[in-house]
Amino acid sequence: MIGGWAGFGMARATIIAASLMPIAAGAAAQDVAMTFDAASRRLETTSPALAAADHAEDAARETAAAVATLRRPVVTASAQYIAYQKTLAVDLTGQKEDARDATQDFLSGIPMTVPPAFQQIASDIVGRIGQALPVYRDPRPAELSLP
C-alpha cells in the first residue's frame, strides 16, 4: 500500500478501471459512444463500489482528525450576567390584617368547641399558638419593595 492519502486515490483509480471493463465489454454489443469523462461521471453516480471507497476515504479522514485531538484538555466556560431593571412594590396591608383577623377568630373559637373540663387546656394551647405566630402581630410595614 502506498503511504498517506495517496493510497486511497490509487484504490479509487483501480475501482474505476475495474468498473469500466463491463462497460467496455457491453460496448461491443451496443456501440455506445462515450468519452472517458462521461463514463467516469456515470460510474460515480451508479457504482456502489465507488460510493463505498468514498465513504472509506471520508472515514479515514475523520478518524485521523479524531486521533489528532486525543488527550487534549477539555475546557468549558460559563458566564452569567443578571441585571434587574424594574422595581416591584407590593402592599400587603389588607392581606396581613385579613390573615390576623381570621387567625384570631379561629383561635378564639377553639376553647368553645371542647368539653368544659378541657377548656382551660384548650385556652393554654391557643395562647401558646398565639405566641408562636408573631408575624400577624408584627408592627413592621406591610409593604415589600424590591429595587
N, C-alpha and C. Protein backbone atom coordinates (compact mmCIF):
# COMPACT_ATOMS: atom_id res chain seq x y z
N MET A 1 0.85 -1.18 0.00
CA MET A 1 0.00 0.00 0.00
C MET A 1 0.89 1.23 0.00
N ILE A 2 0.48 2.22 -0.71
CA ILE A 2 1.23 3.47 -0.78
C ILE A 2 0.87 4.27 0.45
N GLY A 3 1.85 4.92 1.11
CA GLY A 3 1.62 5.63 2.36
C GLY A 3 0.76 6.87 2.19
N GLY A 4 0.12 7.30 3.28
CA GLY A 4 -0.66 8.55 3.30
C GLY A 4 -1.98 8.41 2.56
N TRP A 5 -2.46 9.53 2.05
CA TRP A 5 -3.77 9.58 1.39
C TRP A 5 -3.67 9.13 -0.07
N ALA A 6 -2.47 9.04 -0.60
CA ALA A 6 -2.30 8.63 -1.99
C ALA A 6 -2.82 7.21 -2.20
N GLY A 7 -2.75 6.38 -1.19
CA GLY A 7 -3.24 5.01 -1.29
C GLY A 7 -4.73 4.97 -1.58
N PHE A 8 -5.49 5.89 -1.05
CA PHE A 8 -6.93 5.93 -1.31
C PHE A 8 -7.21 6.35 -2.74
N GLY A 9 -6.40 7.28 -3.27
CA GLY A 9 -6.56 7.69 -4.67
C GLY A 9 -6.25 6.55 -5.61
N MET A 10 -5.24 5.77 -5.28
CA MET A 10 -4.87 4.62 -6.11
C MET A 10 -5.98 3.57 -6.07
N ALA A 11 -6.57 3.37 -4.90
CA ALA A 11 -7.67 2.41 -4.79
C ALA A 11 -8.86 2.86 -5.61
N ARG A 12 -9.11 4.14 -5.62
CA ARG A 12 -10.24 4.68 -6.39
C ARG A 12 -10.00 4.50 -7.89
N ALA A 13 -8.78 4.78 -8.33
CA ALA A 13 -8.46 4.61 -9.75
C ALA A 13 -8.59 3.15 -10.16
N THR A 14 -8.20 2.24 -9.28
CA THR A 14 -8.32 0.81 -9.56
C THR A 14 -9.78 0.41 -9.67
N ILE A 15 -10.62 0.94 -8.78
CA ILE A 15 -12.05 0.62 -8.82
C ILE A 15 -12.68 1.18 -10.09
N ILE A 16 -12.29 2.39 -10.50
CA ILE A 16 -12.83 2.97 -11.73
C ILE A 16 -12.45 2.11 -12.93
N ALA A 17 -11.19 1.73 -12.99
CA ALA A 17 -10.73 0.91 -14.12
C ALA A 17 -11.45 -0.43 -14.15
N ALA A 18 -11.59 -1.06 -12.99
CA ALA A 18 -12.25 -2.36 -12.93
C ALA A 18 -13.74 -2.24 -13.26
N SER A 19 -14.33 -1.12 -12.90
CA SER A 19 -15.74 -0.94 -13.16
C SER A 19 -16.02 -0.61 -14.62
N LEU A 20 -15.05 -0.06 -15.33
CA LEU A 20 -15.24 0.30 -16.73
C LEU A 20 -15.13 -0.91 -17.65
N MET A 21 -14.53 -1.98 -17.19
CA MET A 21 -14.38 -3.16 -18.03
C MET A 21 -15.71 -3.73 -18.49
N PRO A 22 -16.71 -3.87 -17.60
CA PRO A 22 -18.00 -4.37 -18.09
C PRO A 22 -18.64 -3.39 -19.09
N ILE A 23 -18.40 -2.11 -18.91
CA ILE A 23 -18.96 -1.13 -19.85
C ILE A 23 -18.30 -1.31 -21.21
N ALA A 24 -16.98 -1.54 -21.22
CA ALA A 24 -16.26 -1.74 -22.47
C ALA A 24 -16.71 -3.04 -23.14
N ALA A 25 -16.95 -4.07 -22.35
CA ALA A 25 -17.41 -5.33 -22.92
C ALA A 25 -18.81 -5.19 -23.49
N GLY A 26 -19.65 -4.43 -22.82
CA GLY A 26 -21.01 -4.22 -23.30
C GLY A 26 -21.05 -3.30 -24.49
N ALA A 27 -20.02 -2.50 -24.71
CA ALA A 27 -19.98 -1.57 -25.83
C ALA A 27 -19.93 -2.31 -27.15
N ALA A 28 -19.30 -3.47 -27.16
CA ALA A 28 -19.26 -4.24 -28.39
C ALA A 28 -20.65 -4.68 -28.79
N ALA A 29 -21.49 -4.95 -27.82
CA ALA A 29 -22.84 -5.38 -28.12
C ALA A 29 -23.76 -4.21 -28.45
N GLN A 30 -23.46 -2.99 -27.90
CA GLN A 30 -24.38 -1.89 -28.08
C GLN A 30 -23.81 -0.70 -28.84
N ASP A 31 -22.58 -0.60 -29.10
CA ASP A 31 -21.96 0.51 -29.82
C ASP A 31 -22.41 1.86 -29.29
N VAL A 32 -22.14 2.14 -28.02
CA VAL A 32 -22.46 3.42 -27.40
C VAL A 32 -21.18 4.24 -27.36
N ALA A 33 -21.20 5.41 -27.97
CA ALA A 33 -20.03 6.28 -27.96
C ALA A 33 -20.06 7.10 -26.69
N MET A 34 -18.99 7.01 -25.89
CA MET A 34 -18.94 7.72 -24.62
C MET A 34 -17.50 8.09 -24.34
N THR A 35 -17.29 9.33 -23.88
CA THR A 35 -15.94 9.75 -23.53
C THR A 35 -15.58 9.19 -22.16
N PHE A 36 -14.29 9.26 -21.85
CA PHE A 36 -13.85 8.77 -20.55
C PHE A 36 -14.47 9.59 -19.42
N ASP A 37 -14.55 10.92 -19.59
CA ASP A 37 -15.15 11.78 -18.56
C ASP A 37 -16.62 11.45 -18.34
N ALA A 38 -17.35 11.22 -19.44
CA ALA A 38 -18.77 10.87 -19.32
C ALA A 38 -18.92 9.52 -18.63
N ALA A 39 -18.07 8.58 -18.99
CA ALA A 39 -18.13 7.26 -18.37
C ALA A 39 -17.77 7.35 -16.89
N SER A 40 -16.79 8.19 -16.55
CA SER A 40 -16.40 8.36 -15.15
C SER A 40 -17.53 8.98 -14.33
N ARG A 41 -18.20 10.01 -14.88
CA ARG A 41 -19.35 10.63 -14.17
C ARG A 41 -20.48 9.63 -13.98
N ARG A 42 -20.75 8.84 -15.03
CA ARG A 42 -21.83 7.85 -14.93
C ARG A 42 -21.50 6.80 -13.88
N LEU A 43 -20.24 6.41 -13.85
CA LEU A 43 -19.81 5.41 -12.89
C LEU A 43 -19.88 5.93 -11.46
N GLU A 44 -19.52 7.20 -11.26
CA GLU A 44 -19.56 7.79 -9.91
C GLU A 44 -20.98 7.84 -9.35
N THR A 45 -21.97 7.98 -10.23
CA THR A 45 -23.36 8.08 -9.75
C THR A 45 -24.02 6.71 -9.61
N THR A 46 -23.49 5.68 -10.26
CA THR A 46 -24.17 4.39 -10.22
C THR A 46 -23.40 3.27 -9.54
N SER A 47 -22.12 3.47 -9.24
CA SER A 47 -21.30 2.38 -8.72
C SER A 47 -21.32 2.34 -7.19
N PRO A 48 -21.83 1.25 -6.60
CA PRO A 48 -21.79 1.13 -5.15
C PRO A 48 -20.35 0.93 -4.64
N ALA A 49 -19.48 0.37 -5.45
CA ALA A 49 -18.09 0.17 -5.03
C ALA A 49 -17.38 1.52 -4.88
N LEU A 50 -17.65 2.44 -5.80
CA LEU A 50 -17.05 3.77 -5.69
C LEU A 50 -17.61 4.52 -4.49
N ALA A 51 -18.90 4.38 -4.25
CA ALA A 51 -19.50 5.03 -3.08
C ALA A 51 -18.87 4.49 -1.80
N ALA A 52 -18.64 3.18 -1.75
CA ALA A 52 -18.01 2.58 -0.58
C ALA A 52 -16.58 3.09 -0.42
N ALA A 53 -15.86 3.23 -1.51
CA ALA A 53 -14.48 3.75 -1.43
C ALA A 53 -14.49 5.20 -0.95
N ASP A 54 -15.43 6.00 -1.44
CA ASP A 54 -15.54 7.39 -0.97
C ASP A 54 -15.84 7.44 0.52
N HIS A 55 -16.74 6.58 0.97
CA HIS A 55 -17.08 6.56 2.40
C HIS A 55 -15.89 6.08 3.24
N ALA A 56 -15.14 5.13 2.74
CA ALA A 56 -13.96 4.65 3.46
C ALA A 56 -12.91 5.77 3.56
N GLU A 57 -12.76 6.53 2.49
CA GLU A 57 -11.81 7.65 2.50
C GLU A 57 -12.25 8.72 3.50
N ASP A 58 -13.55 9.05 3.49
CA ASP A 58 -14.08 10.03 4.46
C ASP A 58 -13.90 9.54 5.89
N ALA A 59 -14.15 8.25 6.12
CA ALA A 59 -14.00 7.69 7.46
C ALA A 59 -12.55 7.76 7.92
N ALA A 60 -11.61 7.49 7.01
CA ALA A 60 -10.19 7.56 7.38
C ALA A 60 -9.80 8.99 7.73
N ARG A 61 -10.31 9.97 6.98
CA ARG A 61 -10.01 11.38 7.29
C ARG A 61 -10.58 11.76 8.66
N GLU A 62 -11.81 11.36 8.92
CA GLU A 62 -12.44 11.68 10.20
C GLU A 62 -11.73 10.98 11.36
N THR A 63 -11.28 9.75 11.15
CA THR A 63 -10.54 9.04 12.19
C THR A 63 -9.22 9.75 12.47
N ALA A 64 -8.54 10.19 11.41
CA ALA A 64 -7.28 10.91 11.59
C ALA A 64 -7.51 12.21 12.34
N ALA A 65 -8.59 12.92 12.03
CA ALA A 65 -8.90 14.17 12.74
C ALA A 65 -9.23 13.90 14.21
N ALA A 66 -9.95 12.81 14.48
CA ALA A 66 -10.31 12.48 15.86
C ALA A 66 -9.08 12.07 16.67
N VAL A 67 -8.18 11.31 16.05
CA VAL A 67 -6.97 10.87 16.75
C VAL A 67 -6.05 12.06 17.03
N ALA A 68 -6.07 13.04 16.13
CA ALA A 68 -5.22 14.21 16.33
C ALA A 68 -5.61 15.02 17.56
N THR A 69 -6.86 14.89 17.99
CA THR A 69 -7.32 15.68 19.15
C THR A 69 -7.39 14.86 20.43
N LEU A 70 -6.89 13.65 20.43
CA LEU A 70 -6.92 12.83 21.65
C LEU A 70 -6.02 13.43 22.73
N ARG A 71 -6.41 13.25 23.95
CA ARG A 71 -5.66 13.66 25.14
C ARG A 71 -5.36 15.15 25.19
N ARG A 72 -6.18 15.92 24.55
CA ARG A 72 -6.07 17.37 24.70
C ARG A 72 -7.00 17.79 25.82
N PRO A 73 -6.67 18.87 26.49
CA PRO A 73 -7.55 19.29 27.59
C PRO A 73 -8.90 19.77 27.07
N VAL A 74 -9.92 19.50 27.86
CA VAL A 74 -11.26 19.96 27.54
C VAL A 74 -11.55 21.15 28.43
N VAL A 75 -11.90 22.25 27.82
CA VAL A 75 -12.16 23.48 28.56
C VAL A 75 -13.62 23.85 28.38
N THR A 76 -14.32 24.06 29.48
CA THR A 76 -15.69 24.54 29.42
C THR A 76 -15.77 25.85 30.19
N ALA A 77 -16.59 26.72 29.70
CA ALA A 77 -16.74 28.02 30.36
C ALA A 77 -18.21 28.36 30.45
N SER A 78 -18.54 29.09 31.49
CA SER A 78 -19.92 29.51 31.68
C SER A 78 -19.90 30.91 32.28
N ALA A 79 -20.79 31.75 31.82
CA ALA A 79 -20.86 33.12 32.35
C ALA A 79 -22.31 33.54 32.41
N GLN A 80 -22.62 34.32 33.41
CA GLN A 80 -23.98 34.84 33.56
C GLN A 80 -23.90 36.30 33.97
N TYR A 81 -24.79 37.07 33.43
CA TYR A 81 -24.89 38.47 33.81
C TYR A 81 -26.37 38.75 34.02
N ILE A 82 -26.72 39.12 35.23
CA ILE A 82 -28.12 39.36 35.55
C ILE A 82 -28.25 40.80 36.03
N ALA A 83 -29.18 41.52 35.44
CA ALA A 83 -29.43 42.90 35.85
C ALA A 83 -30.94 43.08 35.96
N TYR A 84 -31.39 43.52 37.12
CA TYR A 84 -32.81 43.78 37.32
C TYR A 84 -33.07 45.24 37.00
N GLN A 85 -34.04 45.49 36.16
CA GLN A 85 -34.30 46.85 35.72
C GLN A 85 -35.65 47.37 36.20
N LYS A 86 -36.39 46.61 36.92
CA LYS A 86 -37.72 47.03 37.36
C LYS A 86 -37.79 47.02 38.89
N THR A 87 -38.69 47.81 39.41
CA THR A 87 -38.94 47.84 40.84
C THR A 87 -40.33 47.29 41.07
N LEU A 88 -40.43 46.40 42.01
CA LEU A 88 -41.70 45.77 42.35
C LEU A 88 -42.09 46.21 43.75
N ALA A 89 -43.25 46.81 43.89
CA ALA A 89 -43.75 47.22 45.21
C ALA A 89 -45.11 46.57 45.42
N VAL A 90 -45.23 45.83 46.50
CA VAL A 90 -46.47 45.12 46.81
C VAL A 90 -46.93 45.56 48.19
N ASP A 91 -48.15 46.04 48.27
CA ASP A 91 -48.73 46.46 49.55
C ASP A 91 -49.51 45.28 50.12
N LEU A 92 -49.07 44.79 51.27
CA LEU A 92 -49.67 43.61 51.89
C LEU A 92 -50.50 43.97 53.12
N THR A 93 -50.84 45.23 53.29
CA THR A 93 -51.56 45.66 54.49
C THR A 93 -52.90 44.95 54.64
N GLY A 94 -53.71 44.95 53.59
CA GLY A 94 -55.03 44.31 53.65
C GLY A 94 -54.94 42.82 53.90
N GLN A 95 -54.05 42.15 53.21
CA GLN A 95 -53.91 40.70 53.38
C GLN A 95 -53.38 40.36 54.76
N LYS A 96 -52.49 41.21 55.28
CA LYS A 96 -51.94 40.96 56.61
C LYS A 96 -53.03 41.11 57.67
N GLU A 97 -53.86 42.13 57.55
CA GLU A 97 -54.95 42.34 58.52
C GLU A 97 -55.99 41.23 58.42
N ASP A 98 -56.31 40.82 57.18
CA ASP A 98 -57.28 39.73 57.00
C ASP A 98 -56.77 38.43 57.62
N ALA A 99 -55.50 38.13 57.41
CA ALA A 99 -54.94 36.90 57.97
C ALA A 99 -54.90 36.97 59.50
N ARG A 100 -54.56 38.14 60.05
CA ARG A 100 -54.52 38.30 61.50
C ARG A 100 -55.92 38.13 62.10
N ASP A 101 -56.92 38.75 61.48
CA ASP A 101 -58.29 38.64 61.99
C ASP A 101 -58.82 37.21 61.89
N ALA A 102 -58.55 36.54 60.76
CA ALA A 102 -59.02 35.17 60.59
C ALA A 102 -58.35 34.24 61.60
N THR A 103 -57.07 34.46 61.86
CA THR A 103 -56.36 33.63 62.84
C THR A 103 -56.90 33.85 64.24
N GLN A 104 -57.14 35.11 64.61
CA GLN A 104 -57.68 35.40 65.95
C GLN A 104 -59.08 34.81 66.11
N ASP A 105 -59.92 34.92 65.08
CA ASP A 105 -61.27 34.34 65.16
C ASP A 105 -61.20 32.83 65.32
N PHE A 106 -60.32 32.19 64.56
CA PHE A 106 -60.21 30.75 64.64
C PHE A 106 -59.69 30.31 66.01
N LEU A 107 -58.62 30.98 66.48
CA LEU A 107 -58.04 30.59 67.77
C LEU A 107 -58.98 30.87 68.93
N SER A 108 -59.73 31.97 68.88
CA SER A 108 -60.64 32.28 70.00
C SER A 108 -61.83 31.33 70.03
N GLY A 109 -62.17 30.71 68.92
CA GLY A 109 -63.29 29.77 68.89
C GLY A 109 -62.94 28.37 69.31
N ILE A 110 -61.68 28.03 69.38
CA ILE A 110 -61.28 26.66 69.71
C ILE A 110 -61.69 26.26 71.13
N PRO A 111 -61.48 27.05 72.16
CA PRO A 111 -61.88 26.60 73.51
C PRO A 111 -63.37 26.32 73.63
N MET A 112 -64.21 26.97 72.83
CA MET A 112 -65.66 26.75 72.92
C MET A 112 -66.08 25.42 72.33
N THR A 113 -65.22 24.81 71.53
CA THR A 113 -65.59 23.56 70.85
C THR A 113 -65.25 22.31 71.65
N VAL A 114 -64.56 22.46 72.76
CA VAL A 114 -64.19 21.30 73.56
C VAL A 114 -65.08 21.25 74.81
N PRO A 115 -65.18 20.11 75.45
CA PRO A 115 -65.99 20.00 76.66
C PRO A 115 -65.46 20.93 77.76
N PRO A 116 -66.34 21.36 78.67
CA PRO A 116 -65.95 22.33 79.70
C PRO A 116 -64.74 21.88 80.54
N ALA A 117 -64.57 20.62 80.74
CA ALA A 117 -63.44 20.14 81.56
C ALA A 117 -62.10 20.39 80.87
N PHE A 118 -62.11 20.51 79.56
CA PHE A 118 -60.86 20.69 78.81
C PHE A 118 -60.68 22.09 78.27
N GLN A 119 -61.56 23.02 78.61
CA GLN A 119 -61.48 24.36 78.06
C GLN A 119 -60.22 25.10 78.55
N GLN A 120 -59.81 24.88 79.80
CA GLN A 120 -58.60 25.53 80.31
C GLN A 120 -57.37 25.05 79.53
N ILE A 121 -57.30 23.75 79.24
CA ILE A 121 -56.17 23.20 78.47
C ILE A 121 -56.18 23.78 77.06
N ALA A 122 -57.38 23.85 76.47
CA ALA A 122 -57.50 24.41 75.11
C ALA A 122 -57.09 25.87 75.10
N SER A 123 -57.45 26.63 76.14
CA SER A 123 -57.07 28.05 76.22
C SER A 123 -55.55 28.20 76.32
N ASP A 124 -54.91 27.32 77.12
CA ASP A 124 -53.45 27.36 77.22
C ASP A 124 -52.79 27.07 75.87
N ILE A 125 -53.32 26.08 75.15
CA ILE A 125 -52.77 25.72 73.84
C ILE A 125 -52.95 26.87 72.85
N VAL A 126 -54.12 27.50 72.87
CA VAL A 126 -54.39 28.63 71.98
C VAL A 126 -53.43 29.78 72.31
N GLY A 127 -53.16 30.02 73.59
CA GLY A 127 -52.22 31.07 73.98
C GLY A 127 -50.82 30.80 73.45
N ARG A 128 -50.39 29.56 73.52
CA ARG A 128 -49.05 29.22 73.00
C ARG A 128 -49.00 29.35 71.48
N ILE A 129 -50.06 28.95 70.83
CA ILE A 129 -50.09 29.11 69.36
C ILE A 129 -50.05 30.59 69.00
N GLY A 130 -50.78 31.40 69.76
CA GLY A 130 -50.76 32.85 69.52
C GLY A 130 -49.37 33.43 69.71
N GLN A 131 -48.61 32.92 70.66
CA GLN A 131 -47.24 33.39 70.87
C GLN A 131 -46.31 32.94 69.74
N ALA A 132 -46.62 31.81 69.13
CA ALA A 132 -45.78 31.29 68.05
C ALA A 132 -46.04 31.98 66.72
N LEU A 133 -47.07 32.79 66.66
CA LEU A 133 -47.43 33.47 65.41
C LEU A 133 -47.25 34.98 65.52
N PRO A 134 -46.05 35.48 65.78
CA PRO A 134 -45.87 36.92 65.92
C PRO A 134 -45.96 37.65 64.57
N VAL A 135 -45.91 36.93 63.52
CA VAL A 135 -45.94 37.54 62.19
C VAL A 135 -47.23 38.34 61.98
N TYR A 136 -48.32 37.89 62.57
CA TYR A 136 -49.60 38.58 62.37
C TYR A 136 -49.73 39.80 63.28
N ARG A 137 -48.89 39.85 64.31
CA ARG A 137 -48.94 41.00 65.22
C ARG A 137 -47.72 41.89 65.05
N ASP A 138 -46.95 41.65 64.00
CA ASP A 138 -45.71 42.37 63.76
C ASP A 138 -45.99 43.82 63.35
N PRO A 139 -45.34 44.79 64.00
CA PRO A 139 -45.59 46.19 63.67
C PRO A 139 -44.81 46.65 62.44
N ARG A 140 -44.05 45.80 61.81
CA ARG A 140 -43.28 46.20 60.62
C ARG A 140 -44.23 46.60 59.49
N PRO A 141 -43.72 47.41 58.58
CA PRO A 141 -44.57 47.82 57.46
C PRO A 141 -45.00 46.62 56.63
N ALA A 142 -46.16 46.73 56.07
CA ALA A 142 -46.72 45.64 55.28
C ALA A 142 -46.50 45.88 53.79
N GLU A 143 -45.44 46.60 53.45
CA GLU A 143 -45.15 46.85 52.03
C GLU A 143 -43.78 46.28 51.71
N LEU A 144 -43.72 45.58 50.61
CA LEU A 144 -42.49 44.95 50.16
C LEU A 144 -42.02 45.67 48.92
N SER A 145 -40.77 46.12 48.90
CA SER A 145 -40.25 46.86 47.76
C SER A 145 -38.91 46.26 47.36
N LEU A 146 -38.79 45.86 46.13
CA LEU A 146 -37.55 45.31 45.60
C LEU A 146 -37.02 46.25 44.52
N PRO A 147 -35.81 46.79 44.69
CA PRO A 147 -35.28 47.68 43.66
C PRO A 147 -34.84 46.94 42.42
